[in-house]
Structures are given as structure tokens and as C-alpha cells.
Amino acid sequence: MMSEGSILVIVEKDDNSDVPQIRKRFMVPEDMTIAKLVTVFLSKINLTARKAIFLFVDDVLLPSVMNFRNKEHTRFWPGIPILALLRL
């Protein structure tokens, strides 16, 4: 169930990644920053200091995607606005 002021974020792990599996769908406040989103991801997985995660939207690495609306991926949850399809 989507609450007002929330946006769906869908996470896909890259096939070549050795990052542990995490939940695939997150409802986040629409004003959440990328830095806070990364903090949430890092709290869900256990990475060593020698590893990093990179966030991609439509296979493009972006410094900030918080206002990005990805209409192409509505097949996941039709009718619900999606912030981004992120790959870890």
C-alpha cells in the first residue's frame, strides 16, 4: 500500500555483483536524498570497507536521481509512480 508522499524504489542486484541480496522494493519519502537512500541500503547489507555500491538508473550512473520518474518500469506496480529502478 502506497502512502501519500511516498515513492516506490525498485532495487535490482547486478548479476555479476557479490553484494548480498536485499529486499527489492522500498517505499521512501518523496523528499529523501540519495545520500539517505544509500545509508538505508548500507544498513541492510554488510559490506567491507574495501567495497562500494553504485546506483544506476536505466544503466546510467547518476550523482542525483531523486526527481527522476521512470515511467518505463510501471510493469512492477502499475499506476504507482516509481522513483527509480536501481541496480546494486
C-alpha atoms as a PDB file:
ATOM      1  CA  MET A   1       0.000   0.000   0.000  1.00  0.00           C
ATOM      2  CA  MET A   2       1.416   3.339  -1.046  1.00  0.00           C
ATOM      3  CA  SER A   3       1.038   6.283   1.294  1.00  0.00           C
ATOM      4  CA  GLU A   4       0.762   9.871   0.146  1.00  0.00           C
ATOM      5  CA  GLY A   5       4.172  11.492  -0.198  1.00  0.00           C
ATOM      6  CA  SER A   6       5.940   8.160  -0.783  1.00  0.00           C
ATOM      7  CA  ILE A   7       7.629   6.858  -3.901  1.00  0.00           C
ATOM      8  CA  LEU A   8       8.448   3.296  -4.878  1.00  0.00           C
ATOM      9  CA  VAL A   9      12.114   2.417  -5.415  1.00  0.00           C
ATOM     10  CA  ILE A  10      12.852  -0.928  -7.078  1.00  0.00           C
ATOM     11  CA  VAL A  11      16.289  -2.426  -6.484  1.00  0.00           C
ATOM     12  CA  GLU A  12      17.941  -4.980  -8.765  1.00  0.00           C
ATOM     13  CA  LYS A  13      21.230  -6.620  -7.938  1.00  0.00           C
ATOM     14  CA  ASP A  14      23.603  -6.872 -10.883  1.00  0.00           C
ATOM     15  CA  ASP A  15      24.210 -10.466 -11.991  1.00  0.00           C
ATOM     16  CA  ASN A  16      27.982 -10.030 -11.556  1.00  0.00           C
ATOM     17  CA  SER A  17      27.714  -8.435  -8.116  1.00  0.00           C
ATOM     18  CA  ASP A  18      28.727 -10.239  -4.945  1.00  0.00           C
ATOM     19  CA  VAL A  19      26.686  -7.861  -2.779  1.00  0.00           C
ATOM     20  CA  PRO A  20      24.300  -9.779  -0.503  1.00  0.00           C
ATOM     21  CA  GLN A  21      20.677  -9.973  -1.591  1.00  0.00           C
ATOM     22  CA  ILE A  22      18.369  -7.310  -0.129  1.00  0.00           C
ATOM     23  CA  ARG A  23      14.694  -6.512  -0.338  1.00  0.00           C
ATOM     24  CA  LYS A  24      13.695  -5.484  -3.865  1.00  0.00           C
ATOM     25  CA  ARG A  25      11.065  -2.818  -3.194  1.00  0.00           C
ATOM     26  CA  PHE A  26      11.268   0.166  -0.888  1.00  0.00           C
ATOM     27  CA  MET A  27       8.690   2.854  -0.215  1.00  0.00           C
ATOM     28  CA  VAL A  28      10.585   6.051   0.551  1.00  0.00           C
ATOM     29  CA  PRO A  29       9.506   9.619   1.316  1.00  0.00           C
ATOM     30  CA  GLU A  30       9.478  11.682  -1.874  1.00  0.00           C
ATOM     31  CA  ASP A  31      11.914  14.169  -0.320  1.00  0.00           C
ATOM     32  CA  MET A  32      14.507  11.512   0.640  1.00  0.00           C
ATOM     33  CA  THR A  33      18.000  12.302  -0.625  1.00  0.00           C
ATOM     34  CA  ILE A  34      20.264   9.876  -2.464  1.00  0.00           C
ATOM     35  CA  ALA A  35      22.689  10.024   0.475  1.00  0.00           C
ATOM     36  CA  LYS A  36      19.954   8.877   2.867  1.00  0.00           C
ATOM     37  CA  LEU A  37      18.845   6.178   0.402  1.00  0.00           C
ATOM     38  CA  VAL A  38      22.416   4.854   0.229  1.00  0.00           C
ATOM     39  CA  THR A  39      22.529   4.868   4.039  1.00  0.00           C
ATOM     40  CA  VAL A  40      19.375   2.733   4.098  1.00  0.00           C
ATOM     41  CA  PHE A  41      20.905   0.259   1.609  1.00  0.00           C
ATOM     42  CA  LEU A  42      24.155   0.068   3.554  1.00  0.00           C
ATOM     43  CA  SER A  43      22.248  -0.661   6.756  1.00  0.00           C
ATOM     44  CA  LYS A  44      20.624  -3.649   5.000  1.00  0.00           C
ATOM     45  CA  ILE A  45      23.834  -5.211   3.662  1.00  0.00           C
ATOM     46  CA  ASN A  46      27.190  -5.913   5.262  1.00  0.00           C
ATOM     47  CA  LEU A  47      29.990  -4.529   3.098  1.00  0.00           C
ATOM     48  CA  THR A  48      33.658  -4.409   3.943  1.00  0.00           C
ATOM     49  CA  ALA A  49      35.433  -1.055   3.830  1.00  0.00           C
ATOM     50  CA  ARG A  50      37.077  -2.153   0.569  1.00  0.00           C
ATOM     51  CA  LYS A  51      33.768  -2.447  -1.291  1.00  0.00           C
ATOM     52  CA  ALA A  52      31.366   0.148  -2.629  1.00  0.00           C
ATOM     53  CA  ILE A  53      27.920   0.274  -4.136  1.00  0.00           C
ATOM     54  CA  PHE A  54      26.997   2.302  -7.181  1.00  0.00           C
ATOM     55  CA  LEU A  55      23.467   3.361  -8.003  1.00  0.00           C
ATOM     56  CA  PHE A  56      22.373   3.256 -11.626  1.00  0.00           C
ATOM     57  CA  VAL A  57      19.138   4.418 -13.206  1.00  0.00           C
ATOM     58  CA  ASP A  58      18.434   2.828 -16.580  1.00  0.00           C
ATOM     59  CA  ASP A  59      22.064   1.638 -16.673  1.00  0.00           C
ATOM     60  CA  VAL A  60      23.379   5.194 -16.204  1.00  0.00           C
ATOM     61  CA  LEU A  61      25.358   6.187 -13.132  1.00  0.00           C
ATOM     62  CA  LEU A  62      23.929   9.459 -11.844  1.00  0.00           C
ATOM     63  CA  PRO A  63      25.005  11.691  -8.953  1.00  0.00           C
ATOM     64  CA  SER A  64      21.399  12.527  -8.105  1.00  0.00           C
ATOM     65  CA  VAL A  65      18.167  10.984  -9.316  1.00  0.00           C
ATOM     66  CA  MET A  66      15.704  11.963  -6.623  1.00  0.00           C
ATOM     67  CA  ASN A  67      13.320  13.758  -9.005  1.00  0.00           C
ATOM     68  CA  PHE A  68      13.655  11.134 -11.740  1.00  0.00           C
ATOM     69  CA  ARG A  69      10.360   9.474 -12.647  1.00  0.00           C
ATOM     70  CA  ASN A  70      10.846   6.214 -14.507  1.00  0.00           C
ATOM     71  CA  LYS A  71       7.635   5.584 -16.440  1.00  0.00           C
ATOM     72  CA  GLU A  72       9.118   2.647 -18.403  1.00  0.00           C
ATOM     73  CA  HIS A  73       9.126   0.327 -15.392  1.00  0.00           C
ATOM     74  CA  THR A  74       5.467   0.620 -14.347  1.00  0.00           C
ATOM     75  CA  ARG A  75       5.081  -3.102 -15.049  1.00  0.00           C
ATOM     76  CA  PHE A  76       6.324  -3.746 -11.490  1.00  0.00           C
ATOM     77  CA  TRP A  77       3.434  -1.914  -9.815  1.00  0.00           C
ATOM     78  CA  PRO A  78       1.066  -0.451 -12.445  1.00  0.00           C
ATOM     79  CA  GLY A  79      -0.253   3.008 -11.627  1.00  0.00           C
ATOM     80  CA  ILE A  80       2.307   3.722  -8.898  1.00  0.00           C
ATOM     81  CA  PRO A  81       4.958   6.365  -9.584  1.00  0.00           C
ATOM     82  CA  ILE A  82       8.445   4.881  -9.434  1.00  0.00           C
ATOM     83  CA  LEU A  83      11.356   6.995  -8.291  1.00  0.00           C
ATOM     84  CA  ALA A  84      13.976   4.867  -9.971  1.00  0.00           C
ATOM     85  CA  LEU A  85      14.976   1.379 -10.909  1.00  0.00           C
ATOM     86  CA  LEU A  86      18.251   0.976  -9.047  1.00  0.00           C
ATOM     87  CA  ARG A  87      20.864  -1.693  -9.643  1.00  0.00           C
ATOM     88  CA  LEU A  88      23.330  -2.676  -6.950  1.00  0.00           C
END
